[in-house]
Amino acid sequence: MEKTIISEGKTTNEAIENGLKKLNVSKDRVEIKVLENEDKRSFFSILTPRVVKVEMTLKENKNEKKIKQEEVKPKKEIQLTIEEQEKAKENIELFLKDFVSKLAEGTTYTVESTTSYINVTINHNELGYLIGYRGETLYALQNVMSAIAGKGIENKVRVILDIEGYKAKREKTLEELAEKVAKTVIKTHKPVKLEPMQAYERKIIHSKLQQNAKVETTSIGEEPYRRVVISLKK
């Protein structure tokens, strides 16, 4: 999907930098055309503020479709042995026993092991600070727990953490958002770029609209600013 913007600055370099920030891409991902150069100034324009304009077109990313499909298609899960499951669960429970003791009184947790991952749920109605904005703190804690669970285990252990049922609520919100934006795209015939999201959240958007006959989804940008774009099917 091609996207073109006009960016301005006091110099050509500043105009380019401003455009790259808007597109959230590196310089090699765009084609640049200078529309107004700082050197081309007439006698009458000397007293006016210097403005350089550049046209920046996002190059077609041949890997976008492949990346989108990879996000929708579940990755092959690592199969943990019974011994590895028990060891991972023991590692996590040892950590949680100390961690939860420092949280609000009445906080509870459960740990369940499967051949693919360790499922951890922490419950209390005063743990919003452990979720953070758009789940940022939750996902950071999930990564920490994955590292702890994998101590002494050859296979990589994945921990799936949920706090106060946040993920179920977030999934419902994202599915509703996907449908709402899809209707807007169909009505206006203009693509909509969503805010940056975690890979897990982008997958929800892709999956929700995968069977939609009128719109398609792609992922653009680099982590942690990677986001989903919803547009009409060509």
C-alpha atoms as a PDB file:
ATOM      1  CA  MET A   1       0.000   0.000   0.000  1.00  0.00           C
ATOM      2  CA  GLU A   2       1.572   3.292  -1.166  1.00  0.00           C
ATOM      3  CA  LYS A   3       1.419   6.347   1.071  1.00  0.00           C
ATOM      4  CA  THR A   4       2.627   9.869   0.239  1.00  0.00           C
ATOM      5  CA  ILE A   5       2.973  12.850   2.568  1.00  0.00           C
ATOM      6  CA  ILE A   6       4.298  16.409   2.271  1.00  0.00           C
ATOM      7  CA  SER A   7       6.714  17.329   5.035  1.00  0.00           C
ATOM      8  CA  GLU A   8       8.106  20.761   5.921  1.00  0.00           C
ATOM      9  CA  GLY A   9      11.159  22.102   7.727  1.00  0.00           C
ATOM     10  CA  LYS A  10      13.627  24.982   7.849  1.00  0.00           C
ATOM     11  CA  THR A  11      16.137  22.825   5.939  1.00  0.00           C
ATOM     12  CA  THR A  12      15.869  19.816   3.652  1.00  0.00           C
ATOM     13  CA  ASN A  13      17.248  17.528   6.364  1.00  0.00           C
ATOM     14  CA  GLU A  14      14.770  18.850   8.926  1.00  0.00           C
ATOM     15  CA  ALA A  15      11.872  18.362   6.511  1.00  0.00           C
ATOM     16  CA  ILE A  16      12.983  14.767   5.867  1.00  0.00           C
ATOM     17  CA  GLU A  17      13.397  14.022   9.585  1.00  0.00           C
ATOM     18  CA  ASN A  18       9.922  15.394  10.312  1.00  0.00           C
ATOM     19  CA  GLY A  19       8.465  13.195   7.580  1.00  0.00           C
ATOM     20  CA  LEU A  20      10.227  10.067   8.836  1.00  0.00           C
ATOM     21  CA  LYS A  21       8.786  10.660  12.310  1.00  0.00           C
ATOM     22  CA  LYS A  22       5.266  10.946  10.879  1.00  0.00           C
ATOM     23  CA  LEU A  23       5.664   7.712   8.900  1.00  0.00           C
ATOM     24  CA  ASN A  24       7.521   5.880  11.699  1.00  0.00           C
ATOM     25  CA  VAL A  25      10.030   4.431   9.229  1.00  0.00           C
ATOM     26  CA  SER A  26      13.737   4.666   8.421  1.00  0.00           C
ATOM     27  CA  LYS A  27      15.061   6.724   5.499  1.00  0.00           C
ATOM     28  CA  ASP A  28      15.635   3.673   3.280  1.00  0.00           C
ATOM     29  CA  ARG A  29      11.882   2.937   3.342  1.00  0.00           C
ATOM     30  CA  VAL A  30      10.876   6.117   1.495  1.00  0.00           C
ATOM     31  CA  GLU A  31      11.357   7.865  -1.834  1.00  0.00           C
ATOM     32  CA  ILE A  32      12.128  11.571  -1.377  1.00  0.00           C
ATOM     33  CA  LYS A  33      11.444  14.449  -3.766  1.00  0.00           C
ATOM     34  CA  VAL A  34      12.357  18.022  -2.813  1.00  0.00           C
ATOM     35  CA  LEU A  35       9.486  20.350  -3.754  1.00  0.00           C
ATOM     36  CA  GLU A  36      10.914  23.603  -2.384  1.00  0.00           C
ATOM     37  CA  ASN A  37      14.658  23.884  -1.815  1.00  0.00           C
ATOM     38  CA  GLU A  38      16.179  26.301   0.709  1.00  0.00           C
ATOM     39  CA  ASP A  39      18.629  27.511  -1.980  1.00  0.00           C
ATOM     40  CA  LYS A  40      15.885  28.648  -4.355  1.00  0.00           C
ATOM     41  CA  ARG A  41      14.806  31.882  -2.703  1.00  0.00           C
ATOM     42  CA  SER A  42      13.925  35.040  -4.599  1.00  0.00           C
ATOM     43  CA  PHE A  43      14.700  38.615  -3.548  1.00  0.00           C
ATOM     44  CA  PHE A  44      11.100  39.098  -2.360  1.00  0.00           C
ATOM     45  CA  SER A  45      11.151  35.991  -0.157  1.00  0.00           C
ATOM     46  CA  ILE A  46      14.254  36.876   1.857  1.00  0.00           C
ATOM     47  CA  LEU A  47      12.226  38.384   4.710  1.00  0.00           C
ATOM     48  CA  THR A  48       9.741  35.511   4.859  1.00  0.00           C
ATOM     49  CA  PRO A  49      10.332  32.442   7.073  1.00  0.00           C
ATOM     50  CA  ARG A  50      12.311  29.738   5.287  1.00  0.00           C
ATOM     51  CA  VAL A  51      10.245  26.640   4.591  1.00  0.00           C
ATOM     52  CA  VAL A  52      11.459  23.588   2.691  1.00  0.00           C
ATOM     53  CA  LYS A  53       8.902  21.088   1.456  1.00  0.00           C
ATOM     54  CA  VAL A  54       9.636  17.494   0.502  1.00  0.00           C
ATOM     55  CA  GLU A  55       7.358  14.815  -0.873  1.00  0.00           C
ATOM     56  CA  MET A  56       7.909  11.444   0.786  1.00  0.00           C
ATOM     57  CA  THR A  57       6.431   8.251  -0.592  1.00  0.00           C
ATOM     58  CA  LEU A  58       6.494   5.051   1.439  1.00  0.00           C
ATOM     59  CA  LYS A  59       8.057   2.290  -0.642  1.00  0.00           C
ATOM     60  CA  GLU A  60       6.067  -0.890  -1.117  1.00  0.00           C
ATOM     61  CA  ASN A  61       7.093  -3.429   1.467  1.00  0.00           C
ATOM     62  CA  LYS A  62       7.098  -6.810  -0.208  1.00  0.00           C
ATOM     63  CA  ASN A  63       7.332  -8.475   3.181  1.00  0.00           C
ATOM     64  CA  GLU A  64       4.156  -6.852   4.578  1.00  0.00           C
ATOM     65  CA  LYS A  65       1.834  -9.562   3.294  1.00  0.00           C
ATOM     66  CA  LYS A  66       4.157 -12.271   4.554  1.00  0.00           C
ATOM     67  CA  ILE A  67       4.443 -10.615   7.968  1.00  0.00           C
ATOM     68  CA  LYS A  68       0.677 -10.200   8.200  1.00  0.00           C
ATOM     69  CA  GLN A  69       0.152 -13.881   7.472  1.00  0.00           C
ATOM     70  CA  GLU A  70       2.762 -14.852  10.044  1.00  0.00           C
ATOM     71  CA  GLU A  71       0.942 -12.808  12.691  1.00  0.00           C
ATOM     72  CA  VAL A  72      -2.378 -14.477  11.892  1.00  0.00           C
ATOM     73  CA  LYS A  73      -0.963 -17.979  11.628  1.00  0.00           C
ATOM     74  CA  PRO A  74      -0.079 -19.392  15.056  1.00  0.00           C
ATOM     75  CA  LYS A  75       3.599 -20.138  15.546  1.00  0.00           C
ATOM     76  CA  LYS A  76       4.643 -23.716  16.124  1.00  0.00           C
ATOM     77  CA  GLU A  77       4.586 -24.294  19.859  1.00  0.00           C
ATOM     78  CA  ILE A  78       7.520 -25.754  21.753  1.00  0.00           C
ATOM     79  CA  GLN A  79       6.504 -29.007  23.403  1.00  0.00           C
ATOM     80  CA  LEU A  80       7.606 -29.209  27.035  1.00  0.00           C
ATOM     81  CA  THR A  81       8.213 -32.551  28.699  1.00  0.00           C
ATOM     82  CA  ILE A  82       6.444 -33.397  31.970  1.00  0.00           C
ATOM     83  CA  GLU A  83       9.701 -32.800  33.829  1.00  0.00           C
ATOM     84  CA  GLU A  84      10.139 -29.396  32.158  1.00  0.00           C
ATOM     85  CA  GLN A  85       6.566 -28.434  32.974  1.00  0.00           C
ATOM     86  CA  GLU A  86       7.041 -29.298  36.627  1.00  0.00           C
ATOM     87  CA  LYS A  87      10.363 -27.433  36.805  1.00  0.00           C
ATOM     88  CA  ALA A  88       8.923 -24.336  35.103  1.00  0.00           C
ATOM     89  CA  LYS A  89       5.886 -24.351  37.384  1.00  0.00           C
ATOM     90  CA  GLU A  90       8.118 -24.716  40.433  1.00  0.00           C
ATOM     91  CA  ASN A  91      10.257 -21.751  39.278  1.00  0.00           C
ATOM     92  CA  ILE A  92       7.201 -19.543  38.765  1.00  0.00           C
ATOM     93  CA  GLU A  93       5.491 -20.503  42.036  1.00  0.00           C
ATOM     94  CA  LEU A  94       8.686 -19.762  43.958  1.00  0.00           C
ATOM     95  CA  PHE A  95       8.821 -16.305  42.369  1.00  0.00           C
ATOM     96  CA  LEU A  96       5.097 -15.584  42.826  1.00  0.00           C
ATOM     97  CA  LYS A  97       5.096 -16.561  46.488  1.00  0.00           C
ATOM     98  CA  ASP A  98       7.509 -13.729  47.232  1.00  0.00           C
ATOM     99  CA  PHE A  99       6.132 -11.318  44.587  1.00  0.00           C
ATOM    100  CA  VAL A 100       2.469 -11.557  45.645  1.00  0.00           C
ATOM    101  CA  SER A 101       3.376 -11.105  49.317  1.00  0.00           C
ATOM    102  CA  LYS A 102       4.375  -7.545  48.425  1.00  0.00           C
ATOM    103  CA  LEU A 103       1.072  -6.777  46.695  1.00  0.00           C
ATOM    104  CA  ALA A 104      -2.293  -5.739  48.166  1.00  0.00           C
ATOM    105  CA  GLU A 105      -3.653  -8.028  50.867  1.00  0.00           C
ATOM    106  CA  GLY A 106      -5.999 -10.631  49.434  1.00  0.00           C
ATOM    107  CA  THR A 107      -4.194 -10.966  46.095  1.00  0.00           C
ATOM    108  CA  THR A 108      -4.455 -14.495  44.742  1.00  0.00           C
ATOM    109  CA  TYR A 109      -2.813 -16.318  41.867  1.00  0.00           C
ATOM    110  CA  THR A 110      -3.046 -19.568  39.935  1.00  0.00           C
ATOM    111  CA  VAL A 111      -0.390 -21.386  37.925  1.00  0.00           C
ATOM    112  CA  GLU A 112      -1.275 -24.001  35.314  1.00  0.00           C
ATOM    113  CA  SER A 113       1.198 -25.840  33.126  1.00  0.00           C
ATOM    114  CA  THR A 114       0.638 -27.216  29.623  1.00  0.00           C
ATOM    115  CA  THR A 115       2.942 -28.787  27.070  1.00  0.00           C
ATOM    116  CA  SER A 116       3.192 -25.395  25.313  1.00  0.00           C
ATOM    117  CA  TYR A 117       3.255 -22.746  28.039  1.00  0.00           C
ATOM    118  CA  ILE A 118       2.715 -21.839  31.688  1.00  0.00           C
ATOM    119  CA  ASN A 119      -0.515 -19.961  32.350  1.00  0.00           C
ATOM    120  CA  VAL A 120      -0.417 -17.465  35.253  1.00  0.00           C
ATOM    121  CA  THR A 121      -3.391 -15.495  36.549  1.00  0.00           C
ATOM    122  CA  ILE A 122      -3.171 -12.840  39.268  1.00  0.00           C
ATOM    123  CA  ASN A 123      -6.374 -11.473  40.777  1.00  0.00           C
ATOM    124  CA  HIS A 124      -7.211  -8.420  42.879  1.00  0.00           C
ATOM    125  CA  ASN A 125      -9.214  -5.286  42.128  1.00  0.00           C
ATOM    126  CA  GLU A 126      -6.333  -2.948  42.971  1.00  0.00           C
ATOM    127  CA  LEU A 127      -3.666  -4.131  40.540  1.00  0.00           C
ATOM    128  CA  GLY A 128      -4.217  -1.691  37.693  1.00  0.00           C
ATOM    129  CA  TYR A 129      -0.647  -0.400  38.088  1.00  0.00           C
ATOM    130  CA  LEU A 130       0.623  -3.900  37.185  1.00  0.00           C
ATOM    131  CA  ILE A 131      -1.289  -3.711  33.899  1.00  0.00           C
ATOM    132  CA  GLY A 132      -0.161  -0.244  32.850  1.00  0.00           C
ATOM    133  CA  TYR A 133      -1.142   1.731  29.769  1.00  0.00           C
ATOM    134  CA  ARG A 134      -2.427  -0.660  27.091  1.00  0.00           C
ATOM    135  CA  GLY A 135      -0.947  -3.544  29.100  1.00  0.00           C
ATOM    136  CA  GLU A 136       2.676  -2.402  28.782  1.00  0.00           C
ATOM    137  CA  THR A 137       3.576  -3.264  32.387  1.00  0.00           C
ATOM    138  CA  LEU A 138       1.725  -6.590  32.179  1.00  0.00           C
ATOM    139  CA  TYR A 139       3.664  -7.660  29.069  1.00  0.00           C
ATOM    140  CA  ALA A 140       6.971  -6.588  30.619  1.00  0.00           C
ATOM    141  CA  LEU A 141       6.183  -8.675  33.707  1.00  0.00           C
ATOM    142  CA  GLN A 142       5.176 -11.570  31.457  1.00  0.00           C
ATOM    143  CA  ASN A 143       8.619 -11.449  29.792  1.00  0.00           C
ATOM    144  CA  VAL A 144      10.327 -11.458  33.195  1.00  0.00           C
ATOM    145  CA  MET A 145       8.289 -14.482  34.269  1.00  0.00           C
ATOM    146  CA  SER A 146       9.145 -16.319  31.051  1.00  0.00           C
ATOM    147  CA  ALA A 147      12.842 -15.877  31.803  1.00  0.00           C
ATOM    148  CA  ILE A 148      12.349 -17.061  35.404  1.00  0.00           C
ATOM    149  CA  ALA A 149      10.278 -20.070  34.340  1.00  0.00           C
ATOM    150  CA  GLY A 150      13.003 -21.186  31.935  1.00  0.00           C
ATOM    151  CA  LYS A 151      15.785 -21.396  34.532  1.00  0.00           C
ATOM    152  CA  GLY A 152      17.425 -24.818  34.390  1.00  0.00           C
ATOM    153  CA  ILE A 153      15.348 -25.848  31.350  1.00  0.00           C
ATOM    154  CA  GLU A 154      16.794 -26.454  27.896  1.00  0.00           C
ATOM    155  CA  ASN A 155      13.610 -25.553  25.999  1.00  0.00           C
ATOM    156  CA  LYS A 156      12.357 -21.976  25.911  1.00  0.00           C
ATOM    157  CA  VAL A 157       9.400 -21.587  28.275  1.00  0.00           C
ATOM    158  CA  ARG A 158       6.591 -19.185  27.441  1.00  0.00           C
ATOM    159  CA  VAL A 159       4.521 -17.699  30.244  1.00  0.00           C
ATOM    160  CA  ILE A 160       1.072 -16.272  29.488  1.00  0.00           C
ATOM    161  CA  LEU A 161       0.136 -13.802  32.207  1.00  0.00           C
ATOM    162  CA  ASP A 162      -3.246 -12.220  32.858  1.00  0.00           C
ATOM    163  CA  ILE A 163      -4.165  -9.770  35.618  1.00  0.00           C
ATOM    164  CA  GLU A 164      -7.760  -9.036  36.674  1.00  0.00           C
ATOM    165  CA  GLY A 165      -9.033 -10.568  33.410  1.00  0.00           C
ATOM    166  CA  TYR A 166      -7.433  -7.712  31.428  1.00  0.00           C
ATOM    167  CA  LYS A 167      -6.694  -9.714  28.278  1.00  0.00           C
ATOM    168  CA  ALA A 168     -10.273 -10.910  27.766  1.00  0.00           C
ATOM    169  CA  LYS A 169     -11.554  -7.348  28.162  1.00  0.00           C
ATOM    170  CA  ARG A 170      -8.864  -5.985  25.846  1.00  0.00           C
ATOM    171  CA  GLU A 171      -9.587  -8.638  23.219  1.00  0.00           C
ATOM    172  CA  LYS A 172     -13.273  -7.691  23.180  1.00  0.00           C
ATOM    173  CA  THR A 173     -12.365  -3.991  22.909  1.00  0.00           C
ATOM    174  CA  LEU A 174      -9.991  -4.636  19.994  1.00  0.00           C
ATOM    175  CA  GLU A 175     -12.514  -6.779  18.122  1.00  0.00           C
ATOM    176  CA  GLU A 176     -15.129  -4.040  18.481  1.00  0.00           C
ATOM    177  CA  LEU A 177     -12.555  -1.471  17.332  1.00  0.00           C
ATOM    178  CA  ALA A 178     -11.676  -3.592  14.276  1.00  0.00           C
ATOM    179  CA  GLU A 179     -15.319  -3.807  13.207  1.00  0.00           C
ATOM    180  CA  LYS A 180     -15.929  -0.093  13.796  1.00  0.00           C
ATOM    181  CA  VAL A 181     -12.855   0.995  11.827  1.00  0.00           C
ATOM    182  CA  ALA A 182     -13.645  -1.462   9.012  1.00  0.00           C
ATOM    183  CA  LYS A 183     -17.066   0.181   8.592  1.00  0.00           C
ATOM    184  CA  THR A 184     -15.396   3.613   8.507  1.00  0.00           C
ATOM    185  CA  VAL A 185     -12.920   2.463   5.842  1.00  0.00           C
ATOM    186  CA  ILE A 186     -15.732   1.005   3.703  1.00  0.00           C
ATOM    187  CA  LYS A 187     -17.738   4.214   4.042  1.00  0.00           C
ATOM    188  CA  THR A 188     -14.922   6.712   3.393  1.00  0.00           C
ATOM    189  CA  HIS A 189     -12.749   4.576   1.062  1.00  0.00           C
ATOM    190  CA  LYS A 190      -9.752   5.807   3.067  1.00  0.00           C
ATOM    191  CA  PRO A 191      -7.291   3.593   4.985  1.00  0.00           C
ATOM    192  CA  VAL A 192      -7.047   3.987   8.752  1.00  0.00           C
ATOM    193  CA  LYS A 193      -3.813   3.516  10.697  1.00  0.00           C
ATOM    194  CA  LEU A 194      -4.310   2.269  14.247  1.00  0.00           C
ATOM    195  CA  GLU A 195      -2.126   3.126  17.230  1.00  0.00           C
ATOM    196  CA  PRO A 196       1.014   1.034  17.878  1.00  0.00           C
ATOM    197  CA  MET A 197       0.175  -2.339  19.463  1.00  0.00           C
ATOM    198  CA  GLN A 198       1.773  -5.465  20.868  1.00  0.00           C
ATOM    199  CA  ALA A 199       2.098  -8.376  18.406  1.00  0.00           C
ATOM    200  CA  TYR A 200      -0.578 -10.231  20.402  1.00  0.00           C
ATOM    201  CA  GLU A 201      -3.009  -7.324  19.922  1.00  0.00           C
ATOM    202  CA  ARG A 202      -2.217  -6.887  16.217  1.00  0.00           C
ATOM    203  CA  LYS A 203      -2.990 -10.561  15.757  1.00  0.00           C
ATOM    204  CA  ILE A 204      -6.478 -10.006  17.218  1.00  0.00           C
ATOM    205  CA  ILE A 205      -7.168  -7.251  14.660  1.00  0.00           C
ATOM    206  CA  HIS A 206      -5.844  -9.337  11.755  1.00  0.00           C
ATOM    207  CA  SER A 207      -7.836 -12.394  12.809  1.00  0.00           C
ATOM    208  CA  LYS A 208     -11.071 -10.457  13.337  1.00  0.00           C
ATOM    209  CA  LEU A 209     -10.998  -8.988   9.825  1.00  0.00           C
ATOM    210  CA  GLN A 210      -9.383 -11.913   8.029  1.00  0.00           C
ATOM    211  CA  GLN A 211     -12.711 -13.076   6.591  1.00  0.00           C
ATOM    212  CA  ASN A 212     -13.997  -9.581   5.773  1.00  0.00           C
ATOM    213  CA  ALA A 213     -14.679  -9.430   2.025  1.00  0.00           C
ATOM    214  CA  LYS A 214     -14.182  -5.664   1.725  1.00  0.00           C
ATOM    215  CA  VAL A 215     -11.156  -4.736   3.824  1.00  0.00           C
ATOM    216  CA  GLU A 216      -7.647  -6.016   4.419  1.00  0.00           C
ATOM    217  CA  THR A 217      -5.079  -5.481   7.155  1.00  0.00           C
ATOM    218  CA  THR A 218      -1.329  -4.966   7.037  1.00  0.00           C
ATOM    219  CA  SER A 219       1.312  -4.208   9.657  1.00  0.00           C
ATOM    220  CA  ILE A 220       3.754  -1.331   9.186  1.00  0.00           C
ATOM    221  CA  GLY A 221       6.579   0.256  11.166  1.00  0.00           C
ATOM    222  CA  GLU A 222       9.236  -1.110  13.469  1.00  0.00           C
ATOM    223  CA  GLU A 223       8.793  -2.390  17.020  1.00  0.00           C
ATOM    224  CA  PRO A 224       7.735  -1.005  19.440  1.00  0.00           C
ATOM    225  CA  TYR A 225       5.847   1.359  17.107  1.00  0.00           C
ATOM    226  CA  ARG A 226       4.510  -1.324  14.787  1.00  0.00           C
ATOM    227  CA  ARG A 227       0.822  -0.827  13.966  1.00  0.00           C
ATOM    228  CA  VAL A 228      -2.038  -2.176  11.877  1.00  0.00           C
ATOM    229  CA  VAL A 229      -3.437  -0.394   8.823  1.00  0.00           C
ATOM    230  CA  ILE A 230      -6.974  -1.248   7.694  1.00  0.00           C
ATOM    231  CA  SER A 231      -7.745  -0.472   4.057  1.00  0.00           C
ATOM    232  CA  LEU A 232     -10.098  -1.444   1.223  1.00  0.00           C
ATOM    233  CA  LYS A 233      -9.210  -4.578  -0.680  1.00  0.00           C
ATOM    234  CA  LYS A 234      -7.856  -3.835  -4.137  1.00  0.00           C
END
